[in-house]
Amino acid sequence: MELAFLKNWKSQVKKGALSYIVMNILKDKELYGYELIEDIRNYTEIEVAEGTLYPLMNRLKQEALVSSKWVEQKSGIPRKYYCLTELGSQTLEEMRTHWNSLANSISKISE
């Protein structure tokens, strides 16, 4: 049985890393929501629900880190595609530097 503390800690780590993961996935391509969820599942062991992803995408859009556009489909409903903005790319580089520094620090004390 998992302790409540551990469960909460895992949730907070996931929440904190999710924007970094999403921005990394979007750095070279634009995707619609379901594709983004699938890529997160394929690249990580993280399960992400639509109820988690879309509020995050809205926050990233409000911060001008991602942009979105609706694209009509040959069949079915239009899809909202997301891509990283120039500011998003610059921010991702700063995040990567911080992430790597943090990971190295944690590795040093975890050995």
PDB file of N, CA and C in Angstrom:
ATOM      1  N   MET A   1       0.842  -1.180   0.000  1.00  0.00           N
ATOM      2  CA  MET A   1       0.000   0.000   0.000  1.00  0.00           C
ATOM      3  C   MET A   1       0.891   1.250   0.000  1.00  0.00           C
ATOM      4  N   GLU A   2       0.584   2.153  -0.911  1.00  0.00           N
ATOM      5  CA  GLU A   2       1.388   3.356  -1.050  1.00  0.00           C
ATOM      6  C   GLU A   2       0.995   4.397   0.005  1.00  0.00           C
ATOM      7  N   LEU A   3       1.998   4.960   0.641  1.00  0.00           N
ATOM      8  CA  LEU A   3       1.755   6.014   1.616  1.00  0.00           C
ATOM      9  C   LEU A   3       1.158   7.239   0.939  1.00  0.00           C
ATOM     10  N   ALA A   4       0.313   7.959   1.652  1.00  0.00           N
ATOM     11  CA  ALA A   4      -0.293   9.177   1.122  1.00  0.00           C
ATOM     12  C   ALA A   4       0.780  10.192   0.739  1.00  0.00           C
ATOM     13  N   PHE A   5       1.821  10.306   1.579  1.00  0.00           N
ATOM     14  CA  PHE A   5       2.899  11.249   1.277  1.00  0.00           C
ATOM     15  C   PHE A   5       3.536  10.923  -0.065  1.00  0.00           C
ATOM     16  N   LEU A   6       3.850   9.639  -0.293  1.00  0.00           N
ATOM     17  CA  LEU A   6       4.511   9.225  -1.529  1.00  0.00           C
ATOM     18  C   LEU A   6       3.606   9.448  -2.738  1.00  0.00           C
ATOM     19  N   LYS A   7       2.342   9.141  -2.581  1.00  0.00           N
ATOM     20  CA  LYS A   7       1.380   9.351  -3.671  1.00  0.00           C
ATOM     21  C   LYS A   7       1.308  10.838  -4.036  1.00  0.00           C
ATOM     22  N   ASN A   8       1.236  11.696  -3.040  1.00  0.00           N
ATOM     23  CA  ASN A   8       1.179  13.137  -3.271  1.00  0.00           C
ATOM     24  C   ASN A   8       2.477  13.634  -3.900  1.00  0.00           C
ATOM     25  N   TRP A   9       3.608  13.142  -3.420  1.00  0.00           N
ATOM     26  CA  TRP A   9       4.902  13.549  -3.966  1.00  0.00           C
ATOM     27  C   TRP A   9       5.000  13.180  -5.443  1.00  0.00           C
ATOM     28  N   LYS A  10       4.610  11.959  -5.796  1.00  0.00           N
ATOM     29  CA  LYS A  10       4.647  11.525  -7.196  1.00  0.00           C
ATOM     30  C   LYS A  10       3.760  12.415  -8.064  1.00  0.00           C
ATOM     31  N   SER A  11       2.606  12.752  -7.553  1.00  0.00           N
ATOM     32  CA  SER A  11       1.678  13.613  -8.284  1.00  0.00           C
ATOM     33  C   SER A  11       2.280  14.991  -8.524  1.00  0.00           C
ATOM     34  N   GLN A  12       2.940  15.545  -7.515  1.00  0.00           N
ATOM     35  CA  GLN A  12       3.548  16.870  -7.640  1.00  0.00           C
ATOM     36  C   GLN A  12       4.730  16.857  -8.607  1.00  0.00           C
ATOM     37  N   VAL A  13       5.517  15.793  -8.594  1.00  0.00           N
ATOM     38  CA  VAL A  13       6.638  15.677  -9.531  1.00  0.00           C
ATOM     39  C   VAL A  13       6.099  15.616 -10.961  1.00  0.00           C
ATOM     40  N   LYS A  14       5.077  14.809 -11.169  1.00  0.00           N
ATOM     41  CA  LYS A  14       4.455  14.694 -12.491  1.00  0.00           C
ATOM     42  C   LYS A  14       3.915  16.044 -12.942  1.00  0.00           C
ATOM     43  N   LYS A  15       3.194  16.709 -12.069  1.00  0.00           N
ATOM     44  CA  LYS A  15       2.603  18.004 -12.401  1.00  0.00           C
ATOM     45  C   LYS A  15       3.688  19.012 -12.760  1.00  0.00           C
ATOM     46  N   GLY A  16       4.761  19.019 -12.003  1.00  0.00           N
ATOM     47  CA  GLY A  16       5.845  19.958 -12.251  1.00  0.00           C
ATOM     48  C   GLY A  16       6.607  19.686 -13.529  1.00  0.00           C
ATOM     49  N   ALA A  17       6.697  18.425 -13.916  1.00  0.00           N
ATOM     50  CA  ALA A  17       7.476  18.059 -15.101  1.00  0.00           C
ATOM     51  C   ALA A  17       6.654  18.090 -16.389  1.00  0.00           C
ATOM     52  N   LEU A  18       5.346  18.072 -16.266  1.00  0.00           N
ATOM     53  CA  LEU A  18       4.505  17.922 -17.445  1.00  0.00           C
ATOM     54  C   LEU A  18       4.663  19.048 -18.471  1.00  0.00           C
ATOM     55  N   SER A  19       4.760  20.281 -18.036  1.00  0.00           N
ATOM     56  CA  SER A  19       4.926  21.367 -19.009  1.00  0.00           C
ATOM     57  C   SER A  19       6.261  21.225 -19.745  1.00  0.00           C
ATOM     58  N   TYR A  20       7.296  20.809 -19.034  1.00  0.00           N
ATOM     59  CA  TYR A  20       8.605  20.591 -19.658  1.00  0.00           C
ATOM     60  C   TYR A  20       8.525  19.466 -20.697  1.00  0.00           C
ATOM     61  N   ILE A  21       7.825  18.401 -20.358  1.00  0.00           N
ATOM     62  CA  ILE A  21       7.660  17.266 -21.267  1.00  0.00           C
ATOM     63  C   ILE A  21       6.890  17.703 -22.508  1.00  0.00           C
ATOM     64  N   VAL A  22       5.774  18.384 -22.311  1.00  0.00           N
ATOM     65  CA  VAL A  22       4.937  18.835 -23.431  1.00  0.00           C
ATOM     66  C   VAL A  22       5.722  19.763 -24.352  1.00  0.00           C
ATOM     67  N   MET A  23       6.432  20.700 -23.774  1.00  0.00           N
ATOM     68  CA  MET A  23       7.183  21.649 -24.592  1.00  0.00           C
ATOM     69  C   MET A  23       8.299  20.951 -25.370  1.00  0.00           C
ATOM     70  N   ASN A  24       8.923  19.948 -24.776  1.00  0.00           N
ATOM     71  CA  ASN A  24       9.939  19.177 -25.492  1.00  0.00           C
ATOM     72  C   ASN A  24       9.335  18.429 -26.673  1.00  0.00           C
ATOM     73  N   ILE A  25       8.168  17.857 -26.489  1.00  0.00           N
ATOM     74  CA  ILE A  25       7.510  17.128 -27.574  1.00  0.00           C
ATOM     75  C   ILE A  25       7.132  18.078 -28.708  1.00  0.00           C
ATOM     76  N   LEU A  26       6.708  19.288 -28.362  1.00  0.00           N
ATOM     77  CA  LEU A  26       6.274  20.252 -29.378  1.00  0.00           C
ATOM     78  C   LEU A  26       7.420  21.035 -30.023  1.00  0.00           C
ATOM     79  N   LYS A  27       8.655  20.806 -29.589  1.00  0.00           N
ATOM     80  CA  LYS A  27       9.753  21.640 -30.092  1.00  0.00           C
ATOM     81  C   LYS A  27       9.989  21.484 -31.591  1.00  0.00           C
ATOM     82  N   ASP A  28       9.669  20.337 -32.161  1.00  0.00           N
ATOM     83  CA  ASP A  28       9.950  20.106 -33.577  1.00  0.00           C
ATOM     84  C   ASP A  28       8.721  19.816 -34.424  1.00  0.00           C
ATOM     85  N   LYS A  29       7.548  19.832 -33.812  1.00  0.00           N
ATOM     86  CA  LYS A  29       6.348  19.487 -34.578  1.00  0.00           C
ATOM     87  C   LYS A  29       5.118  20.082 -33.923  1.00  0.00           C
ATOM     88  N   GLU A  30       4.049  20.165 -34.696  1.00  0.00           N
ATOM     89  CA  GLU A  30       2.787  20.597 -34.120  1.00  0.00           C
ATOM     90  C   GLU A  30       1.865  19.387 -34.053  1.00  0.00           C
ATOM     91  N   LEU A  31       1.135  19.312 -32.979  1.00  0.00           N
ATOM     92  CA  LEU A  31       0.261  18.163 -32.724  1.00  0.00           C
ATOM     93  C   LEU A  31      -1.077  18.633 -32.195  1.00  0.00           C
ATOM     94  N   TYR A  32      -2.093  17.822 -32.407  1.00  0.00           N
ATOM     95  CA  TYR A  32      -3.365  18.091 -31.743  1.00  0.00           C
ATOM     96  C   TYR A  32      -3.391  17.307 -30.441  1.00  0.00           C
ATOM     97  N   GLY A  33      -4.340  17.617 -29.588  1.00  0.00           N
ATOM     98  CA  GLY A  33      -4.358  17.107 -28.222  1.00  0.00           C
ATOM     99  C   GLY A  33      -4.171  15.613 -28.072  1.00  0.00           C
ATOM    100  N   TYR A  34      -4.929  14.822 -28.824  1.00  0.00           N
ATOM    101  CA  TYR A  34      -4.831  13.373 -28.665  1.00  0.00           C
ATOM    102  C   TYR A  34      -3.447  12.863 -29.066  1.00  0.00           C
ATOM    103  N   GLU A  35      -2.870  13.440 -30.143  1.00  0.00           N
ATOM    104  CA  GLU A  35      -1.515  13.047 -30.543  1.00  0.00           C
ATOM    105  C   GLU A  35      -0.511  13.381 -29.443  1.00  0.00           C
ATOM    106  N   LEU A  36      -0.713  14.507 -28.810  1.00  0.00           N
ATOM    107  CA  LEU A  36       0.165  14.925 -27.717  1.00  0.00           C
ATOM    108  C   LEU A  36       0.086  13.943 -26.550  1.00  0.00           C
ATOM    109  N   ILE A  37      -1.118  13.542 -26.204  1.00  0.00           N
ATOM    110  CA  ILE A  37      -1.305  12.548 -25.138  1.00  0.00           C
ATOM    111  C   ILE A  37      -0.614  11.237 -25.511  1.00  0.00           C
ATOM    112  N   GLU A  38      -0.767  10.819 -26.754  1.00  0.00           N
ATOM    113  CA  GLU A  38      -0.126   9.578 -27.210  1.00  0.00           C
ATOM    114  C   GLU A  38       1.396   9.682 -27.156  1.00  0.00           C
ATOM    115  N   ASP A  39       1.952  10.819 -27.573  1.00  0.00           N
ATOM    116  CA  ASP A  39       3.407  10.996 -27.509  1.00  0.00           C
ATOM    117  C   ASP A  39       3.901  10.975 -26.066  1.00  0.00           C
ATOM    118  N   ILE A  40       3.171  11.604 -25.166  1.00  0.00           N
ATOM    119  CA  ILE A  40       3.561  11.576 -23.752  1.00  0.00           C
ATOM    120  C   ILE A  40       3.601  10.142 -23.260  1.00  0.00           C
ATOM    121  N   ARG A  41       2.592   9.371 -23.614  1.00  0.00           N
ATOM    122  CA  ARG A  41       2.548   7.951 -23.217  1.00  0.00           C
ATOM    123  C   ARG A  41       3.683   7.157 -23.848  1.00  0.00           C
ATOM    124  N   ASN A  42       4.010   7.460 -25.108  1.00  0.00           N
ATOM    125  CA  ASN A  42       5.056   6.713 -25.815  1.00  0.00           C
ATOM    126  C   ASN A  42       6.457   7.052 -25.329  1.00  0.00           C
ATOM    127  N   TYR A  43       6.703   8.318 -24.991  1.00  0.00           N
ATOM    128  CA  TYR A  43       8.036   8.748 -24.570  1.00  0.00           C
ATOM    129  C   TYR A  43       8.284   8.600 -23.077  1.00  0.00           C
ATOM    130  N   THR A  44       7.226   8.554 -22.295  1.00  0.00           N
ATOM    131  CA  THR A  44       7.372   8.502 -20.840  1.00  0.00           C
ATOM    132  C   THR A  44       6.497   7.381 -20.287  1.00  0.00           C
ATOM    133  N   GLU A  45       6.550   7.211 -19.001  1.00  0.00           N
ATOM    134  CA  GLU A  45       5.671   6.252 -18.328  1.00  0.00           C
ATOM    135  C   GLU A  45       4.513   6.986 -17.659  1.00  0.00           C
ATOM    136  N   ILE A  46       4.257   8.201 -18.102  1.00  0.00           N
ATOM    137  CA  ILE A  46       3.246   9.050 -17.484  1.00  0.00           C
ATOM    138  C   ILE A  46       1.918   8.898 -18.216  1.00  0.00           C
ATOM    139  N   GLU A  47       0.868   8.666 -17.462  1.00  0.00           N
ATOM    140  CA  GLU A  47      -0.481   8.654 -18.002  1.00  0.00           C
ATOM    141  C   GLU A  47      -1.064  10.045 -17.834  1.00  0.00           C
ATOM    142  N   VAL A  48      -1.538  10.620 -18.913  1.00  0.00           N
ATOM    143  CA  VAL A  48      -2.106  11.966 -18.885  1.00  0.00           C
ATOM    144  C   VAL A  48      -3.517  11.903 -19.448  1.00  0.00           C
ATOM    145  N   ALA A  49      -4.449  12.457 -18.711  1.00  0.00           N
ATOM    146  CA  ALA A  49      -5.831  12.522 -19.160  1.00  0.00           C
ATOM    147  C   ALA A  49      -6.079  13.854 -19.847  1.00  0.00           C
ATOM    148  N   GLU A  50      -7.124  13.905 -20.668  1.00  0.00           N
ATOM    149  CA  GLU A  50      -7.495  15.149 -21.332  1.00  0.00           C
ATOM    150  C   GLU A  50      -7.759  16.248 -20.312  1.00  0.00           C
ATOM    151  N   GLY A  51      -8.337  15.873 -19.184  1.00  0.00           N
ATOM    152  CA  GLY A  51      -8.645  16.841 -18.130  1.00  0.00           C
ATOM    153  C   GLY A  51      -7.410  17.457 -17.500  1.00  0.00           C
ATOM    154  N   THR A  52      -6.266  16.838 -17.690  1.00  0.00           N
ATOM    155  CA  THR A  52      -4.996  17.382 -17.228  1.00  0.00           C
ATOM    156  C   THR A  52      -4.317  18.168 -18.340  1.00  0.00           C
ATOM    157  N   LEU A  53      -4.352  17.625 -19.550  1.00  0.00           N
ATOM    158  CA  LEU A  53      -3.630  18.234 -20.667  1.00  0.00           C
ATOM    159  C   LEU A  53      -4.205  19.582 -21.093  1.00  0.00           C
ATOM    160  N   TYR A  54      -5.501  19.655 -21.300  1.00  0.00           N
ATOM    161  CA  TYR A  54      -6.066  20.875 -21.877  1.00  0.00           C
ATOM    162  C   TYR A  54      -5.950  22.106 -20.972  1.00  0.00           C
ATOM    163  N   PRO A  55      -6.136  21.985 -19.666  1.00  0.00           N
ATOM    164  CA  PRO A  55      -5.858  23.153 -18.823  1.00  0.00           C
ATOM    165  C   PRO A  55      -4.387  23.581 -18.893  1.00  0.00           C
ATOM    166  N   LEU A  56      -3.474  22.618 -18.976  1.00  0.00           N
ATOM    167  CA  LEU A  56      -2.053  22.938 -19.126  1.00  0.00           C
ATOM    168  C   LEU A  56      -1.816  23.674 -20.441  1.00  0.00           C
ATOM    169  N   MET A  57      -2.417  23.191 -21.520  1.00  0.00           N
ATOM    170  CA  MET A  57      -2.235  23.836 -22.817  1.00  0.00           C
ATOM    171  C   MET A  57      -2.784  25.260 -22.785  1.00  0.00           C
ATOM    172  N   ASN A  58      -3.886  25.468 -22.102  1.00  0.00           N
ATOM    173  CA  ASN A  58      -4.442  26.818 -21.975  1.00  0.00           C
ATOM    174  C   ASN A  58      -3.495  27.737 -21.206  1.00  0.00           C
ATOM    175  N   ARG A  59      -2.873  27.216 -20.137  1.00  0.00           N
ATOM    176  CA  ARG A  59      -1.906  28.022 -19.381  1.00  0.00           C
ATOM    177  C   ARG A  59      -0.691  28.354 -20.236  1.00  0.00           C
ATOM    178  N   LEU A  60      -0.183  27.381 -20.978  1.00  0.00           N
ATOM    179  CA  LEU A  60       0.974  27.621 -21.846  1.00  0.00           C
ATOM    180  C   LEU A  60       0.630  28.635 -22.939  1.00  0.00           C
ATOM    181  N   LYS A  61      -0.594  28.569 -23.423  1.00  0.00           N
ATOM    182  CA  LYS A  61      -1.036  29.527 -24.447  1.00  0.00           C
ATOM    183  C   LYS A  61      -1.158  30.934 -23.853  1.00  0.00           C
ATOM    184  N   GLN A  62      -1.699  31.041 -22.646  1.00  0.00           N
ATOM    185  CA  GLN A  62      -1.816  32.345 -21.984  1.00  0.00           C
ATOM    186  C   GLN A  62      -0.449  32.969 -21.734  1.00  0.00           C
ATOM    187  N   GLU A  63       0.562  32.145 -21.500  1.00  0.00           N
ATOM    188  CA  GLU A  63       1.931  32.626 -21.279  1.00  0.00           C
ATOM    189  C   GLU A  63       2.674  32.870 -22.595  1.00  0.00           C
ATOM    190  N   ALA A  64       1.980  32.654 -23.724  1.00  0.00           N
ATOM    191  CA  ALA A  64       2.545  32.834 -25.070  1.00  0.00           C
ATOM    192  C   ALA A  64       3.692  31.865 -25.359  1.00  0.00           C
ATOM    193  N   LEU A  65       3.675  30.697 -24.705  1.00  0.00           N
ATOM    194  CA  LEU A  65       4.704  29.681 -24.926  1.00  0.00           C
ATOM    195  C   LEU A  65       4.303  28.717 -26.035  1.00  0.00           C
ATOM    196  N   VAL A  66       3.005  28.555 -26.247  1.00  0.00           N
ATOM    197  CA  VAL A  66       2.489  27.770 -27.365  1.00  0.00           C
ATOM    198  C   VAL A  66       1.422  28.595 -28.070  1.00  0.00           C
ATOM    199  N   SER A  67       1.212  28.258 -29.317  1.00  0.00           N
ATOM    200  CA  SER A  67       0.097  28.837 -30.062  1.00  0.00           C
ATOM    201  C   SER A  67      -0.749  27.678 -30.566  1.00  0.00           C
ATOM    202  N   SER A  68      -1.951  27.987 -30.996  1.00  0.00           N
ATOM    203  CA  SER A  68      -2.829  26.940 -31.496  1.00  0.00           C
ATOM    204  C   SER A  68      -3.593  27.435 -32.702  1.00  0.00           C
ATOM    205  N   LYS A  69      -4.049  26.483 -33.486  1.00  0.00           N
ATOM    206  CA  LYS A  69      -4.886  26.811 -34.636  1.00  0.00           C
ATOM    207  C   LYS A  69      -5.826  25.640 -34.898  1.00  0.00           C
ATOM    208  N   TRP A  70      -6.998  25.971 -35.378  1.00  0.00           N
ATOM    209  CA  TRP A  70      -7.967  24.952 -35.745  1.00  0.00           C
ATOM    210  C   TRP A  70      -7.718  24.536 -37.180  1.00  0.00           C
ATOM    211  N   VAL A  71      -7.732  23.226 -37.424  1.00  0.00           N
ATOM    212  CA  VAL A  71      -7.511  22.697 -38.770  1.00  0.00           C
ATOM    213  C   VAL A  71      -8.700  21.813 -39.133  1.00  0.00           C
ATOM    214  N   GLU A  72      -9.331  22.147 -40.246  1.00  0.00           N
ATOM    215  CA  GLU A  72     -10.449  21.342 -40.748  1.00  0.00           C
ATOM    216  C   GLU A  72      -9.929  19.980 -41.198  1.00  0.00           C
ATOM    217  N   GLN A  73     -10.733  18.957 -40.987  1.00  0.00           N
ATOM    218  CA  GLN A  73     -10.391  17.601 -41.392  1.00  0.00           C
ATOM    219  C   GLN A  73     -11.253  17.200 -42.590  1.00  0.00           C
ATOM    220  N   LYS A  74     -10.759  16.260 -43.398  1.00  0.00           N
ATOM    221  CA  LYS A  74     -11.547  15.779 -44.540  1.00  0.00           C
ATOM    222  C   LYS A  74     -12.845  15.148 -44.068  1.00  0.00           C
ATOM    223  N   SER A  75     -12.753  14.480 -42.929  1.00  0.00           N
ATOM    224  CA  SER A  75     -13.969  13.937 -42.320  1.00  0.00           C
ATOM    225  C   SER A  75     -13.862  14.146 -40.820  1.00  0.00           C
ATOM    226  N   GLY A  76     -14.975  14.394 -40.190  1.00  0.00           N
ATOM    227  CA  GLY A  76     -14.965  14.604 -38.749  1.00  0.00           C
ATOM    228  C   GLY A  76     -14.861  16.071 -38.386  1.00  0.00           C
ATOM    229  N   ILE A  77     -14.631  16.285 -37.117  1.00  0.00           N
ATOM    230  CA  ILE A  77     -14.601  17.652 -36.593  1.00  0.00           C
ATOM    231  C   ILE A  77     -13.200  18.262 -36.734  1.00  0.00           C
ATOM    232  N   PRO A  78     -13.117  19.595 -36.742  1.00  0.00           N
ATOM    233  CA  PRO A  78     -11.795  20.244 -36.793  1.00  0.00           C
ATOM    234  C   PRO A  78     -10.965  19.887 -35.561  1.00  0.00           C
ATOM    235  N   ARG A  79      -9.659  19.935 -35.718  1.00  0.00           N
ATOM    236  CA  ARG A  79      -8.739  19.640 -34.617  1.00  0.00           C
ATOM    237  C   ARG A  79      -7.922  20.880 -34.287  1.00  0.00           C
ATOM    238  N   LYS A  80      -7.654  21.050 -32.999  1.00  0.00           N
ATOM    239  CA  LYS A  80      -6.839  22.166 -32.548  1.00  0.00           C
ATOM    240  C   LYS A  80      -5.394  21.681 -32.440  1.00  0.00           C
ATOM    241  N   TYR A  81      -4.536  22.262 -33.266  1.00  0.00           N
ATOM    242  CA  TYR A  81      -3.124  21.907 -33.268  1.00  0.00           C
ATOM    243  C   TYR A  81      -2.336  22.922 -32.454  1.00  0.00           C
ATOM    244  N   TYR A  82      -1.343  22.411 -31.717  1.00  0.00           N
ATOM    245  CA  TYR A  82      -0.493  23.237 -30.867  1.00  0.00           C
ATOM    246  C   TYR A  82       0.937  23.193 -31.380  1.00  0.00           C
ATOM    247  N   CYS A  83       1.626  24.324 -31.251  1.00  0.00           N
ATOM    248  CA  CYS A  83       3.055  24.356 -31.567  1.00  0.00           C
ATOM    249  C   CYS A  83       3.738  25.353 -30.631  1.00  0.00           C
ATOM    250  N   LEU A  84       5.027  25.187 -30.488  1.00  0.00           N
ATOM    251  CA  LEU A  84       5.822  26.065 -29.638  1.00  0.00           C
ATOM    252  C   LEU A  84       6.029  27.409 -30.341  1.00  0.00           C
ATOM    253  N   THR A  85       5.933  28.480 -29.609  1.00  0.00           N
ATOM    254  CA  THR A  85       6.229  29.807 -30.144  1.00  0.00           C
ATOM    255  C   THR A  85       7.734  30.063 -30.020  1.00  0.00           C
ATOM    256  N   GLU A  86       8.187  31.171 -30.551  1.00  0.00           N
ATOM    257  CA  GLU A  86       9.593  31.549 -30.400  1.00  0.00           C
ATOM    258  C   GLU A  86       9.929  31.720 -28.915  1.00  0.00           C
ATOM    259  N   LEU A  87       9.032  32.390 -28.189  1.00  0.00           N
ATOM    260  CA  LEU A  87       9.231  32.546 -26.745  1.00  0.00           C
ATOM    261  C   LEU A  87       9.236  31.179 -26.059  1.00  0.00           C
ATOM    262  N   GLY A  88       8.386  30.281 -26.519  1.00  0.00           N
ATOM    263  CA  GLY A  88       8.354  28.924 -25.969  1.00  0.00           C
ATOM    264  C   GLY A  88       9.671  28.197 -26.186  1.00  0.00           C
ATOM    265  N   SER A  89      10.252  28.353 -27.370  1.00  0.00           N
ATOM    266  CA  SER A  89      11.551  27.718 -27.665  1.00  0.00           C
ATOM    267  C   SER A  89      12.651  28.273 -26.767  1.00  0.00           C
ATOM    268  N   GLN A  90      12.657  29.594 -26.590  1.00  0.00           N
ATOM    269  CA  GLN A  90      13.659  30.215 -25.721  1.00  0.00           C
ATOM    270  C   GLN A  90      13.464  29.766 -24.270  1.00  0.00           C
ATOM    271  N   THR A  91      12.223  29.714 -23.841  1.00  0.00           N
ATOM    272  CA  THR A  91      11.913  29.289 -22.476  1.00  0.00           C
ATOM    273  C   THR A  91      12.305  27.834 -22.271  1.00  0.00           C
ATOM    274  N   LEU A  92      12.054  27.004 -23.275  1.00  0.00           N
ATOM    275  CA  LEU A  92      12.417  25.587 -23.186  1.00  0.00           C
ATOM    276  C   LEU A  92      13.920  25.421 -22.993  1.00  0.00           C
ATOM    277  N   GLU A  93      14.712  26.220 -23.681  1.00  0.00           N
ATOM    278  CA  GLU A  93      16.170  26.144 -23.510  1.00  0.00           C
ATOM    279  C   GLU A  93      16.575  26.483 -22.077  1.00  0.00           C
ATOM    280  N   GLU A  94      15.953  27.505 -21.523  1.00  0.00           N
ATOM    281  CA  GLU A  94      16.242  27.865 -20.130  1.00  0.00           C
ATOM    282  C   GLU A  94      15.773  26.766 -19.178  1.00  0.00           C
ATOM    283  N   MET A  95      14.617  26.193 -19.471  1.00  0.00           N
ATOM    284  CA  MET A  95      14.110  25.093 -18.643  1.00  0.00           C
ATOM    285  C   MET A  95      15.052  23.894 -18.706  1.00  0.00           C
ATOM    286  N   ARG A  96      15.562  23.603 -19.908  1.00  0.00           N
ATOM    287  CA  ARG A  96      16.466  22.456 -20.090  1.00  0.00           C
ATOM    288  C   ARG A  96      17.738  22.652 -19.260  1.00  0.00           C
ATOM    289  N   THR A  97      18.286  23.851 -19.282  1.00  0.00           N
ATOM    290  CA  THR A  97      19.483  24.142 -18.496  1.00  0.00           C
ATOM    291  C   THR A  97      19.209  23.924 -17.009  1.00  0.00           C
ATOM    292  N   HIS A  98      18.094  24.454 -16.538  1.00  0.00           N
ATOM    293  CA  HIS A  98      17.733  24.294 -15.127  1.00  0.00           C
ATOM    294  C   HIS A  98      17.467  22.826 -14.788  1.00  0.00           C
ATOM    295  N   TRP A  99      16.735  22.134 -15.667  1.00  0.00           N
ATOM    296  CA  TRP A  99      16.405  20.723 -15.442  1.00  0.00           C
ATOM    297  C   TRP A  99      17.690  19.893 -15.323  1.00  0.00           C
ATOM    298  N   ASN A 100      18.624  20.101 -16.250  1.00  0.00           N
ATOM    299  CA  ASN A 100      19.872  19.334 -16.229  1.00  0.00           C
ATOM    300  C   ASN A 100      20.682  19.621 -14.971  1.00  0.00           C
ATOM    301  N   SER A 101      20.720  20.859 -14.563  1.00  0.00           N
ATOM    302  CA  SER A 101      21.424  21.230 -13.338  1.00  0.00           C
ATOM    303  C   SER A 101      20.783  20.561 -12.121  1.00  0.00           C
ATOM    304  N   LEU A 102      19.462  20.595 -12.082  1.00  0.00           N
ATOM    305  CA  LEU A 102      18.740  19.973 -10.983  1.00  0.00           C
ATOM    306  C   LEU A 102      18.951  18.463 -10.955  1.00  0.00           C
ATOM    307  N   ALA A 103      18.867  17.841 -12.132  1.00  0.00           N
ATOM    308  CA  ALA A 103      19.058  16.388 -12.222  1.00  0.00           C
ATOM    309  C   ALA A 103      20.473  15.991 -11.780  1.00  0.00           C
ATOM    310  N   ASN A 104      21.476  16.784 -12.180  1.00  0.00           N
ATOM    311  CA  ASN A 104      22.850  16.496 -11.764  1.00  0.00           C
ATOM    312  C   ASN A 104      23.008  16.629 -10.253  1.00  0.00           C
ATOM    313  N   SER A 105      22.387  17.665  -9.679  1.00  0.00           N
ATOM    314  CA  SER A 105      22.464  17.871  -8.227  1.00  0.00           C
ATOM    315  C   SER A 105      21.808  16.718  -7.483  1.00  0.00           C
ATOM    316  N   ILE A 106      20.643  16.292  -7.973  1.00  0.00           N
ATOM    317  CA  ILE A 106      19.938  15.191  -7.316  1.00  0.00           C
ATOM    318  C   ILE A 106      20.743  13.904  -7.436  1.00  0.00           C
ATOM    319  N   SER A 107      21.352  13.684  -8.605  1.00  0.00           N
ATOM    320  CA  SER A 107      22.180  12.492  -8.779  1.00  0.00           C
ATOM    321  C   SER A 107      23.332  12.454  -7.783  1.00  0.00           C
ATOM    322  N   LYS A 108      23.947  13.605  -7.546  1.00  0.00           N
ATOM    323  CA  LYS A 108      25.076  13.662  -6.623  1.00  0.00           C
ATOM    324  C   LYS A 108      24.671  13.284  -5.194  1.00  0.00           C
ATOM    325  N   ILE A 109      23.520  13.753  -4.751  1.00  0.00           N
ATOM    326  CA  ILE A 109      23.119  13.446  -3.377  1.00  0.00           C
ATOM    327  C   ILE A 109      22.407  12.107  -3.245  1.00  0.00           C
ATOM    328  N   SER A 110      22.021  11.505  -4.374  1.00  0.00           N
ATOM    329  CA  SER A 110      21.290  10.236  -4.340  1.00  0.00           C
ATOM    330  C   SER A 110      22.215   9.027  -4.378  1.00  0.00           C
ATOM    331  N   GLU A 111      23.467   9.238  -4.669  1.00  0.00           N
ATOM    332  CA  GLU A 111      24.409   8.119  -4.822  1.00  0.00           C
ATOM    333  C   GLU A 111      24.768   7.498  -3.510  1.00  0.00           C
TER     334      GLU A 111
END
